[in-house]
């Protein structure tokens, strides 16, 4: 299933890909390869399987990005496969961000409804952070309007999404306060809020413990 290349192309059929990879100049690689592997470690029994391997040459590094797949060539071209892998990687990074930034790394409950609510809240928080990041990038681009266009276009690299997401997480309480003011809500009374948060909900607990330790309470034994 090898494609035909014009000129002094290097044939791949029957070759080890690693042996000829550095000498290839084609933009795309799209071949069927056979892999051998042990069925069970230490058993000595081996098996072979055939896969489709595609590769795209990076113009800057002049190296190939290789992808293994079982998707048919008739339905997915080599660039399609590369795009799917990039999308998959973005999904993995997305879940990593949800776990590390929005509290899904450790859910201390087994209640399905609570777990679902936590996931939905984390997803909403992530979407809000994305909106804020886009606004930050637009703001920075406007601040740099006088600079070269090429430099202005690099705002995405200066403001990476995940770094901005961390900043949103750290200053979430301030964002919430600004939103309350913007939407017309009254800010809570600071004195009352601090009193409520500082007040001991069980003021008699220490005294009760001392009484128990002194033996002021008698217990009947049965």
Protein backbone atom coordinates (compact mmCIF):
# COMPACT_ATOMS: atom_id res chain seq x y z
CA UNK A 1 0.00 0.00 0.00
CA UNK A 2 2.91 2.34 -0.63
CA UNK A 3 2.38 5.53 -2.57
CA UNK A 4 4.39 6.05 -5.76
CA UNK A 5 6.85 8.95 -5.66
CA UNK A 6 8.51 10.52 -8.69
CA UNK A 7 12.24 11.20 -8.99
CA UNK A 8 14.96 9.71 -6.83
CA UNK A 9 12.63 8.53 -4.10
CA UNK A 10 13.77 5.97 -1.55
CA UNK A 11 11.70 2.77 -1.63
CA UNK A 12 10.31 1.73 1.74
CA UNK A 13 8.95 -1.71 0.99
CA UNK A 14 10.73 -4.35 3.04
CA UNK A 15 12.89 -1.76 4.79
CA UNK A 16 13.18 -0.89 8.47
CA UNK A 17 11.74 2.59 8.77
CA UNK A 18 14.36 3.74 11.27
CA UNK A 19 17.10 2.70 8.87
CA UNK A 20 15.91 5.01 6.08
CA UNK A 21 14.05 7.73 8.01
CA UNK A 22 16.93 10.23 8.10
CA UNK A 23 17.40 9.97 4.33
CA UNK A 24 13.76 10.60 3.41
CA UNK A 25 12.77 13.95 1.90
CA UNK A 26 9.09 13.38 1.16
CA UNK A 27 6.59 15.58 2.95
CA UNK A 28 4.33 12.69 3.95
CA UNK A 29 4.87 9.06 4.90
CA UNK A 30 1.89 6.73 4.59
CA UNK A 31 2.77 3.04 4.81
CA UNK A 32 1.67 -0.27 6.30
CA UNK A 33 4.12 -1.64 8.84
CA UNK A 34 4.38 -4.96 10.64
CA UNK A 35 5.22 -5.04 14.34
CA UNK A 36 6.37 -8.08 16.29
CA UNK A 37 5.78 -8.41 20.01
CA UNK A 38 5.68 -11.00 22.77
CA UNK A 39 2.22 -12.30 23.60
CA UNK A 40 3.18 -12.60 27.26
CA UNK A 41 6.37 -11.41 28.87
CA UNK A 42 8.79 -14.26 29.34
CA UNK A 43 6.63 -16.77 27.46
CA UNK A 44 8.77 -16.70 24.34
CA UNK A 45 5.64 -16.72 22.16
CA UNK A 46 5.54 -13.87 19.67
CA UNK A 47 2.92 -12.41 17.38
CA UNK A 48 2.80 -9.87 14.58
CA UNK A 49 0.27 -7.20 13.73
CA UNK A 50 -0.06 -4.80 10.84
CA UNK A 51 -0.75 -1.09 11.32
CA UNK A 52 -0.91 2.02 9.23
CA UNK A 53 1.89 4.47 9.98
CA UNK A 54 1.77 8.06 8.78
CA UNK A 55 4.33 10.79 9.16
CA UNK A 56 4.46 14.50 8.40
CA UNK A 57 7.73 16.33 7.94
CA UNK A 58 8.19 19.41 10.11
CA UNK A 59 9.57 22.20 7.94
CA UNK A 60 11.39 23.93 10.79
CA UNK A 61 13.04 20.95 12.47
CA UNK A 62 13.14 18.85 9.25
CA UNK A 63 12.06 15.86 11.34
CA UNK A 64 9.07 13.58 10.96
CA UNK A 65 6.18 13.39 13.38
CA UNK A 66 5.05 9.77 13.23
CA UNK A 67 1.59 8.45 14.12
CA UNK A 68 0.33 4.88 14.39
CA UNK A 69 -3.32 4.27 13.51
CA UNK A 70 -5.84 1.71 12.31
CA UNK A 71 -7.98 4.28 10.46
CA UNK A 72 -8.35 3.66 6.74
CA UNK A 73 -6.52 5.83 4.23
CA UNK A 74 -9.70 6.15 2.16
CA UNK A 75 -11.37 8.00 5.03
CA UNK A 76 -8.48 9.82 6.69
CA UNK A 77 -5.44 11.35 5.01
CA UNK A 78 -2.09 11.71 6.75
CA UNK A 79 -2.79 15.36 7.73
CA UNK A 80 -6.17 14.23 9.10
CA UNK A 81 -4.46 11.69 11.35
CA UNK A 82 -2.00 14.31 12.61
CA UNK A 83 -4.88 16.68 13.36
CA UNK A 84 -6.76 13.97 15.26
CA UNK A 85 -3.70 13.24 17.39
CA UNK A 86 -3.30 16.96 18.14
CA UNK A 87 -6.97 17.12 19.16
CA UNK A 88 -6.51 14.05 21.36
CA UNK A 89 -3.53 15.66 23.04
CA UNK A 90 -5.56 18.82 23.66
CA UNK A 91 -8.29 16.72 25.30
CA UNK A 92 -5.72 15.08 27.58
CA UNK A 93 -4.31 18.48 28.55
CA UNK A 94 -7.86 19.69 29.15
CA UNK A 95 -8.57 16.91 31.62
CA UNK A 96 -5.20 17.50 33.27
CA UNK A 97 -6.13 21.14 33.72
CA UNK A 98 -9.55 20.23 35.12
CA UNK A 99 -7.90 17.95 37.67
CA UNK A 100 -5.05 20.24 38.71
CA UNK A 101 -6.73 23.66 38.50
CA UNK A 102 -10.39 23.04 39.22
CA UNK A 103 -10.41 20.47 41.99
CA UNK A 104 -11.08 17.22 40.13
CA UNK A 105 -7.81 15.58 41.14
CA UNK A 106 -9.40 14.14 44.27
CA UNK A 107 -13.16 13.91 44.76
CA UNK A 108 -13.93 12.93 48.34
CA UNK A 109 -17.37 11.48 47.76
CA UNK A 110 -18.98 8.47 46.17
CA UNK A 111 -22.34 10.15 45.59
CA UNK A 112 -22.97 10.15 41.85
CA UNK A 113 -25.03 13.35 41.91
CA UNK A 114 -22.35 15.25 43.82
CA UNK A 115 -19.63 13.97 41.48
CA UNK A 116 -21.67 15.07 38.45
CA UNK A 117 -22.26 18.50 40.01
CA UNK A 118 -18.53 18.93 40.74
CA UNK A 119 -17.62 18.00 37.16
CA UNK A 120 -20.19 20.45 35.75
CA UNK A 121 -18.95 23.23 38.05
CA UNK A 122 -15.35 22.56 37.02
CA UNK A 123 -16.31 22.61 33.33
CA UNK A 124 -18.15 25.92 33.77
CA UNK A 125 -15.16 27.38 35.62
CA UNK A 126 -12.86 26.24 32.83
CA UNK A 127 -15.07 27.84 30.17
CA UNK A 128 -15.18 31.08 32.16
CA UNK A 129 -11.39 31.07 32.44
CA UNK A 130 -11.14 30.62 28.66
CA UNK A 131 -13.39 33.64 28.11
CA UNK A 132 -11.25 35.70 30.48
CA UNK A 133 -8.07 34.54 28.72
CA UNK A 134 -9.47 35.60 25.33
CA UNK A 135 -10.33 39.01 26.79
CA UNK A 136 -6.82 39.32 28.23
CA UNK A 137 -5.31 38.53 24.84
CA UNK A 138 -7.53 41.10 23.15
CA UNK A 139 -6.55 43.67 25.78
CA UNK A 140 -2.86 42.98 25.31
CA UNK A 141 -3.21 43.16 21.53
CA UNK A 142 -4.85 46.58 21.82
CA UNK A 143 -2.07 47.76 24.12
CA UNK A 144 0.52 46.70 21.56
CA UNK A 145 -1.18 48.16 18.47
CA UNK A 146 1.77 50.42 17.79
CA UNK A 147 4.20 47.52 17.51
CA UNK A 148 4.98 45.36 14.52
CA UNK A 149 2.14 43.11 13.40
CA UNK A 150 4.33 40.03 13.66
CA UNK A 151 5.07 40.85 17.27
CA UNK A 152 1.44 41.61 18.03
CA UNK A 153 0.43 38.23 16.69
CA UNK A 154 2.54 36.53 19.33
CA UNK A 155 0.15 37.42 22.17
CA UNK A 156 -0.91 33.77 22.36
CA UNK A 157 2.66 32.71 23.19
CA UNK A 158 3.04 35.51 25.74
CA UNK A 159 -0.28 34.59 27.35
CA UNK A 160 -0.52 30.78 27.24
CA UNK A 161 -3.95 29.47 28.16
CA UNK A 162 -2.87 27.26 31.04
CA UNK A 163 -0.75 29.94 32.67
CA UNK A 164 -3.68 32.34 32.44
CA UNK A 165 -5.90 29.62 33.87
CA UNK A 166 -3.64 29.46 36.93
CA UNK A 167 -3.84 33.25 37.31
CA UNK A 168 -7.64 33.09 37.14
CA UNK A 169 -7.65 30.40 39.82
CA UNK A 170 -5.40 32.41 42.15
CA UNK A 171 -7.45 35.59 41.83
CA UNK A 172 -10.88 33.99 41.54
CA UNK A 173 -12.18 35.73 44.68
CA UNK A 174 -11.34 39.16 43.24
CA UNK A 175 -12.96 38.27 39.94
CA UNK A 176 -16.09 37.24 41.83
CA UNK A 177 -16.19 40.57 43.70
CA UNK A 178 -15.78 42.58 40.51
CA UNK A 179 -18.54 40.59 38.86
CA UNK A 180 -20.86 41.22 41.81
CA UNK A 181 -20.27 44.98 41.55
CA UNK A 182 -20.64 44.93 37.76
CA UNK A 183 -23.96 43.06 38.02
CA UNK A 184 -25.32 45.41 40.66
CA UNK A 185 -25.05 43.18 43.72
CA UNK A 186 -24.14 44.66 47.09
CA UNK A 187 -20.87 43.52 48.58
CA UNK A 188 -21.18 41.72 51.92
CA UNK A 189 -20.49 43.70 55.07
CA UNK A 190 -16.85 42.91 55.85
CA UNK A 191 -17.22 43.19 59.64
CA UNK A 192 -20.22 40.87 59.71
CA UNK A 193 -18.53 38.45 57.33
CA UNK A 194 -15.39 38.22 59.48
CA UNK A 195 -17.46 37.85 62.65
CA UNK A 196 -19.50 35.05 61.10
CA UNK A 197 -16.41 33.22 59.84
CA UNK A 198 -14.54 33.62 63.15
CA UNK A 199 -17.34 32.70 65.53
CA UNK A 200 -17.00 29.30 67.19
CA UNK A 201 -20.10 27.26 66.30
CA UNK A 202 -19.63 25.13 69.44
CA UNK A 203 -18.67 27.56 72.21
CA UNK A 204 -19.45 25.12 75.04
CA UNK A 205 -17.37 22.23 73.68
CA UNK A 206 -14.16 23.10 75.56
CA UNK A 207 -16.02 23.57 78.86
CA UNK A 208 -17.87 20.29 78.38
CA UNK A 209 -14.59 18.49 77.69
CA UNK A 210 -13.06 19.90 80.87
CA UNK A 211 -16.06 18.78 82.90
CA UNK A 212 -15.78 15.26 81.51
CA UNK A 213 -12.05 15.16 82.26
CA UNK A 214 -12.67 16.27 85.88
CA UNK A 215 -15.24 13.52 86.28
CA UNK A 216 -18.15 15.83 86.98
CA UNK A 217 -20.44 13.49 85.10
CA UNK A 218 -21.33 10.11 86.51
CA UNK A 219 -22.18 7.16 84.29
CA UNK A 220 -24.14 4.14 85.37
CA UNK A 221 -22.60 0.81 84.48
CA UNK A 222 -24.85 -2.02 83.43
